[in-house]
Amino acid sequence: MEIFIKKLTSVDIEKQLELPNDTRREALPPFNGSRDIVIPIKIGHDAVEADVHCSCRAGRLALTTGWVEIARNLNFNAGDVVALRREDNGRYKMTVRRT
């Protein structure tokens, strides 16, 4: 199940990845009253796995702690397109289309 697709901006790479308004929240793990959750995500074709924090502030979702390091280490650029999906086994995978 696809959760979101987003074309990255410089802010997404340098600070946090603010999720689009049409993000399928029901596909994310439950927050259970918390402002933050940790999502283990496999990223890219190499399936690098990392724990990324997802926070909810004022109704807006963003990938925060762990995200910037991933974006830098994998050399993401503004204009690249990322997609997050939940696989049938319940795991999360992010794919990247480079521009």
C-alpha atoms as a PDB file:
ATOM      1  CA  MET A   1       0.000   0.000   0.000  1.00  0.00           C
ATOM      2  CA  GLU A   2       1.469   3.314  -1.047  1.00  0.00           C
ATOM      3  CA  ILE A   3       1.551   5.853   1.779  1.00  0.00           C
ATOM      4  CA  PHE A   4       2.922   8.888  -0.060  1.00  0.00           C
ATOM      5  CA  ILE A   5       4.975  10.141  -2.999  1.00  0.00           C
ATOM      6  CA  LYS A   6       6.903  13.398  -2.780  1.00  0.00           C
ATOM      7  CA  LYS A   7       9.340  15.384  -4.885  1.00  0.00           C
ATOM      8  CA  LEU A   8      12.092  16.460  -2.489  1.00  0.00           C
ATOM      9  CA  THR A   9      12.980  20.077  -1.788  1.00  0.00           C
ATOM     10  CA  SER A  10      16.168  21.386  -0.205  1.00  0.00           C
ATOM     11  CA  VAL A  11      14.255  21.839   3.079  1.00  0.00           C
ATOM     12  CA  ASP A  12      13.190  18.165   2.954  1.00  0.00           C
ATOM     13  CA  ILE A  13      16.846  17.156   2.696  1.00  0.00           C
ATOM     14  CA  GLU A  14      18.365  19.613   5.171  1.00  0.00           C
ATOM     15  CA  LYS A  15      15.757  19.735   7.962  1.00  0.00           C
ATOM     16  CA  GLN A  16      12.892  17.231   7.829  1.00  0.00           C
ATOM     17  CA  LEU A  17      10.656  15.571   5.290  1.00  0.00           C
ATOM     18  CA  GLU A  18       7.223  17.113   5.656  1.00  0.00           C
ATOM     19  CA  LEU A  19       4.723  14.567   4.404  1.00  0.00           C
ATOM     20  CA  PRO A  20       2.142  15.572   1.784  1.00  0.00           C
ATOM     21  CA  ASN A  21      -1.446  16.350   2.800  1.00  0.00           C
ATOM     22  CA  ASP A  22      -2.695  13.234   1.004  1.00  0.00           C
ATOM     23  CA  THR A  23      -0.493  10.872   3.049  1.00  0.00           C
ATOM     24  CA  ARG A  24      -2.384   7.683   3.938  1.00  0.00           C
ATOM     25  CA  ARG A  25      -2.159   7.975   7.720  1.00  0.00           C
ATOM     26  CA  GLU A  26      -4.016   4.716   8.276  1.00  0.00           C
ATOM     27  CA  ALA A  27      -1.068   2.864   6.707  1.00  0.00           C
ATOM     28  CA  LEU A  28       1.370   4.221   9.319  1.00  0.00           C
ATOM     29  CA  PRO A  29       1.828   2.635  12.737  1.00  0.00           C
ATOM     30  CA  PRO A  30      -0.585   4.066  15.325  1.00  0.00           C
ATOM     31  CA  PHE A  31       0.561   7.064  17.356  1.00  0.00           C
ATOM     32  CA  ASN A  32      -1.550   5.973  20.386  1.00  0.00           C
ATOM     33  CA  GLY A  33      -1.631   9.489  21.816  1.00  0.00           C
ATOM     34  CA  SER A  34       2.082  10.099  21.281  1.00  0.00           C
ATOM     35  CA  ARG A  35       3.525  12.873  19.121  1.00  0.00           C
ATOM     36  CA  ASP A  36       6.275  10.643  17.724  1.00  0.00           C
ATOM     37  CA  ILE A  37       6.614   7.106  16.448  1.00  0.00           C
ATOM     38  CA  VAL A  38       9.626   5.218  15.134  1.00  0.00           C
ATOM     39  CA  ILE A  39       9.286   3.529  11.754  1.00  0.00           C
ATOM     40  CA  PRO A  40      11.897   1.021  10.575  1.00  0.00           C
ATOM     41  CA  ILE A  41      12.255   1.727   6.843  1.00  0.00           C
ATOM     42  CA  LYS A  42      14.198  -0.101   4.134  1.00  0.00           C
ATOM     43  CA  ILE A  43      15.470   2.458   1.660  1.00  0.00           C
ATOM     44  CA  GLY A  44      16.466   2.127  -1.975  1.00  0.00           C
ATOM     45  CA  HIS A  45      17.541  -0.835  -4.043  1.00  0.00           C
ATOM     46  CA  ASP A  46      20.291  -1.674  -1.545  1.00  0.00           C
ATOM     47  CA  ALA A  47      17.628  -2.028   1.170  1.00  0.00           C
ATOM     48  CA  VAL A  48      19.524   0.072   3.708  1.00  0.00           C
ATOM     49  CA  GLU A  49      17.452  -0.189   6.896  1.00  0.00           C
ATOM     50  CA  ALA A  50      17.105   2.695   9.315  1.00  0.00           C
ATOM     51  CA  ASP A  51      14.821   3.793  12.125  1.00  0.00           C
ATOM     52  CA  VAL A  52      13.173   7.091  11.259  1.00  0.00           C
ATOM     53  CA  HIS A  53      11.042   9.134  13.628  1.00  0.00           C
ATOM     54  CA  CYS A  54       7.702  10.358  12.352  1.00  0.00           C
ATOM     55  CA  SER A  55       6.207  13.245  14.287  1.00  0.00           C
ATOM     56  CA  CYS A  56       2.789  14.823  14.272  1.00  0.00           C
ATOM     57  CA  ARG A  57       2.639  18.506  15.189  1.00  0.00           C
ATOM     58  CA  ALA A  58      -0.486  20.595  14.648  1.00  0.00           C
ATOM     59  CA  GLY A  59      -1.883  17.836  12.450  1.00  0.00           C
ATOM     60  CA  ARG A  60       1.154  17.823  10.123  1.00  0.00           C
ATOM     61  CA  LEU A  61       3.292  14.711   9.700  1.00  0.00           C
ATOM     62  CA  ALA A  62       7.053  14.838   9.154  1.00  0.00           C
ATOM     63  CA  LEU A  63       9.975  12.424   9.122  1.00  0.00           C
ATOM     64  CA  THR A  64      12.430  13.912  11.593  1.00  0.00           C
ATOM     65  CA  THR A  65      15.193  12.194  13.589  1.00  0.00           C
ATOM     66  CA  GLY A  66      17.157   9.879  11.342  1.00  0.00           C
ATOM     67  CA  TRP A  67      15.816  11.325   8.100  1.00  0.00           C
ATOM     68  CA  VAL A  68      18.453  14.024   7.479  1.00  0.00           C
ATOM     69  CA  GLU A  69      21.284  11.534   7.993  1.00  0.00           C
ATOM     70  CA  ILE A  70      19.710   9.173   5.480  1.00  0.00           C
ATOM     71  CA  ALA A  71      19.183  11.950   2.933  1.00  0.00           C
ATOM     72  CA  ARG A  72      22.821  13.040   3.266  1.00  0.00           C
ATOM     73  CA  ASN A  73      24.360   9.559   3.324  1.00  0.00           C
ATOM     74  CA  LEU A  74      22.412   8.453   0.251  1.00  0.00           C
ATOM     75  CA  ASN A  75      23.087  11.758  -1.545  1.00  0.00           C
ATOM     76  CA  PHE A  76      19.466  12.712  -2.121  1.00  0.00           C
ATOM     77  CA  ASN A  77      18.996  15.897  -4.141  1.00  0.00           C
ATOM     78  CA  ALA A  78      16.202  18.416  -4.511  1.00  0.00           C
ATOM     79  CA  GLY A  79      13.998  17.122  -7.308  1.00  0.00           C
ATOM     80  CA  ASP A  80      14.454  13.422  -6.446  1.00  0.00           C
ATOM     81  CA  VAL A  81      11.132  11.672  -5.871  1.00  0.00           C
ATOM     82  CA  VAL A  82      10.624   9.414  -2.851  1.00  0.00           C
ATOM     83  CA  ALA A  83       7.748   7.032  -2.268  1.00  0.00           C
ATOM     84  CA  LEU A  84       6.952   5.219   0.974  1.00  0.00           C
ATOM     85  CA  ARG A  85       4.876   2.073   0.974  1.00  0.00           C
ATOM     86  CA  ARG A  86       3.827  -0.576   3.435  1.00  0.00           C
ATOM     87  CA  GLU A  87       4.544  -4.017   2.062  1.00  0.00           C
ATOM     88  CA  ASP A  88       2.272  -7.023   2.498  1.00  0.00           C
ATOM     89  CA  ASN A  89       4.451  -8.298   5.363  1.00  0.00           C
ATOM     90  CA  GLY A  90       3.839  -5.041   7.290  1.00  0.00           C
ATOM     91  CA  ARG A  91       7.329  -3.633   6.706  1.00  0.00           C
ATOM     92  CA  TYR A  92       7.976  -0.204   5.246  1.00  0.00           C
ATOM     93  CA  LYS A  93      10.033   0.470   2.124  1.00  0.00           C
ATOM     94  CA  MET A  94      11.076   3.752   0.536  1.00  0.00           C
ATOM     95  CA  THR A  95      12.051   3.969  -3.100  1.00  0.00           C
ATOM     96  CA  VAL A  96      13.916   6.849  -4.706  1.00  0.00           C
ATOM     97  CA  ARG A  97      13.731   8.049  -8.292  1.00  0.00           C
ATOM     98  CA  ARG A  98      16.701  10.281  -9.016  1.00  0.00           C
ATOM     99  CA  THR A  99      16.385  13.275 -11.293  1.00  0.00           C
END
